[in-house]
Amino acid sequence: MRMTRIDWILLPILVGVLAGVVIGAFLLAGFIGLGVLGLIIGLMAQRIELEKDGAVSHSMTTSLYAEQFKARERMSRAEKAGHRAETQTLLKWLFPAKVVSAGLIILGFGLFFLFQHP
């Protein structure tokens, strides 16, 4: 994953916002808040990864899923390559989100159980 200039410019802002959210969750609910925040981030990242090709698993979207599948079948090779490249670009940011999620879950629930049990 190669970072562009704008990524390097926005990285301190992202880290600052994440630090603020983590501190807020800790002050609001303690270590359990960090674990829950990690679970929320992880569930959002997993849902984004599941829906990368379109809508999934809902009774209202069965026809929508079929329509998306037919539209993908009608795409030219160039359009398919463009869609694949766009999807890969979108999904490249999920790995850091999953790492942050795992870290918050381990830190939050681990320290919660460490300090709650004698």
Protein backbone atom coordinates (compact mmCIF):
# COMPACT_ATOMS: atom_id res chain seq x y z
CA MET A 1 0.00 0.00 0.00
CA ARG A 2 1.73 3.10 -1.27
CA MET A 3 0.80 6.38 0.37
CA THR A 4 0.33 9.51 -1.72
CA ARG A 5 1.10 13.07 -0.66
CA ILE A 6 -2.48 13.75 0.41
CA ASP A 7 -2.43 10.57 2.50
CA TRP A 8 0.62 11.84 4.39
CA ILE A 9 -1.06 15.22 4.89
CA LEU A 10 -4.29 13.68 6.21
CA LEU A 11 -2.59 11.03 8.38
CA PRO A 12 -1.97 13.31 11.42
CA ILE A 13 -5.61 14.46 11.29
CA LEU A 14 -6.82 10.87 11.19
CA VAL A 15 -4.54 9.84 14.05
CA GLY A 16 -5.71 12.84 16.10
CA VAL A 17 -9.38 12.08 15.54
CA LEU A 18 -8.84 8.40 16.34
CA ALA A 19 -6.95 9.33 19.52
CA GLY A 20 -9.82 11.63 20.54
CA VAL A 21 -12.41 8.92 19.96
CA VAL A 22 -10.34 6.36 21.87
CA ILE A 23 -9.83 8.73 24.82
CA GLY A 24 -13.54 9.60 24.78
CA ALA A 25 -14.55 5.94 24.79
CA PHE A 26 -12.13 5.23 27.64
CA LEU A 27 -13.37 8.17 29.71
CA LEU A 28 -16.99 7.26 29.02
CA ALA A 29 -16.88 3.51 29.68
CA GLY A 30 -13.35 2.54 30.70
CA PHE A 31 -11.54 -0.40 29.15
CA ILE A 32 -14.81 -2.04 28.12
CA GLY A 33 -15.49 1.06 26.01
CA LEU A 34 -12.25 0.49 24.10
CA GLY A 35 -13.23 -3.11 23.42
CA VAL A 36 -16.70 -2.12 22.23
CA LEU A 37 -15.21 0.60 20.01
CA GLY A 38 -12.91 -2.02 18.49
CA LEU A 39 -15.88 -4.32 17.87
CA ILE A 40 -17.80 -1.52 16.15
CA ILE A 41 -14.85 -0.65 13.88
CA GLY A 42 -14.28 -4.32 13.08
CA LEU A 43 -17.93 -4.96 12.26
CA MET A 44 -18.05 -1.92 9.96
CA ALA A 45 -14.88 -3.04 8.15
CA GLN A 46 -16.23 -6.57 7.77
CA ARG A 47 -19.57 -5.31 6.43
CA ILE A 48 -17.79 -3.11 3.86
CA GLU A 49 -15.72 -6.08 2.74
CA LEU A 50 -18.80 -8.30 2.43
CA GLU A 51 -20.66 -5.73 0.36
CA LYS A 52 -17.81 -4.92 -2.04
CA ASP A 53 -19.66 -6.55 -4.95
CA GLY A 54 -23.12 -5.26 -4.08
CA ALA A 55 -25.99 -5.75 -1.69
CA VAL A 56 -26.08 -8.96 0.36
CA SER A 57 -28.57 -10.94 2.46
CA HIS A 58 -31.79 -9.04 2.73
CA SER A 59 -35.23 -10.06 1.54
CA MET A 60 -35.79 -6.66 -0.07
CA THR A 61 -32.60 -6.85 -2.16
CA THR A 62 -32.95 -10.18 -3.96
CA SER A 63 -33.96 -8.52 -7.23
CA LEU A 64 -31.33 -5.81 -6.71
CA TYR A 65 -28.63 -8.46 -6.39
CA ALA A 66 -29.81 -10.12 -9.61
CA GLU A 67 -29.80 -6.75 -11.40
CA GLN A 68 -26.25 -6.03 -10.22
CA PHE A 69 -25.12 -9.46 -11.39
CA LYS A 70 -26.67 -8.91 -14.85
CA ALA A 71 -25.10 -5.45 -15.09
CA ARG A 72 -21.67 -6.92 -14.26
CA GLU A 73 -22.18 -9.57 -16.96
CA ARG A 74 -22.86 -6.84 -19.56
CA MET A 75 -19.70 -4.88 -18.69
CA SER A 76 -16.86 -4.74 -21.18
CA ARG A 77 -13.40 -5.97 -20.20
CA ALA A 78 -12.23 -2.38 -19.65
CA GLU A 79 -15.20 -1.61 -17.42
CA LYS A 80 -14.62 -4.80 -15.43
CA ALA A 81 -10.94 -3.89 -14.98
CA GLY A 82 -11.91 -0.38 -13.89
CA HIS A 83 -14.45 -1.74 -11.42
CA ARG A 84 -11.90 -4.22 -10.05
CA ALA A 85 -9.28 -1.47 -9.65
CA GLU A 86 -11.78 0.80 -7.92
CA THR A 87 -12.79 -2.00 -5.55
CA GLN A 88 -9.17 -2.82 -4.72
CA THR A 89 -8.46 0.85 -4.00
CA LEU A 90 -11.45 1.03 -1.70
CA LEU A 91 -10.56 -2.20 0.10
CA LYS A 92 -6.89 -1.32 0.69
CA TRP A 93 -7.92 0.85 3.64
CA LEU A 94 -9.75 -2.00 5.35
CA PHE A 95 -6.55 -3.69 6.51
CA PRO A 96 -5.47 -0.77 8.77
CA ALA A 97 -9.04 -0.55 10.10
CA LYS A 98 -8.97 -4.26 10.96
CA VAL A 99 -5.58 -3.90 12.68
CA VAL A 100 -6.82 -0.94 14.74
CA SER A 101 -9.98 -2.90 15.55
CA ALA A 102 -8.03 -5.95 16.71
CA GLY A 103 -5.71 -3.77 18.80
CA LEU A 104 -8.60 -2.00 20.51
CA ILE A 105 -10.40 -5.29 21.19
CA ILE A 106 -7.30 -6.92 22.68
CA LEU A 107 -6.34 -3.82 24.66
CA GLY A 108 -9.83 -3.01 25.88
CA PHE A 109 -11.14 -6.44 26.83
CA GLY A 110 -7.72 -7.72 27.89
CA LEU A 111 -7.12 -4.88 30.34
CA PHE A 112 -10.74 -5.01 31.48
CA PHE A 113 -10.44 -8.67 32.46
CA LEU A 114 -6.95 -8.12 33.88
CA PHE A 115 -8.07 -5.36 36.24
CA GLN A 116 -11.56 -6.68 37.04
CA HIS A 117 -10.54 -10.15 38.24
CA PRO A 118 -8.34 -10.47 41.35
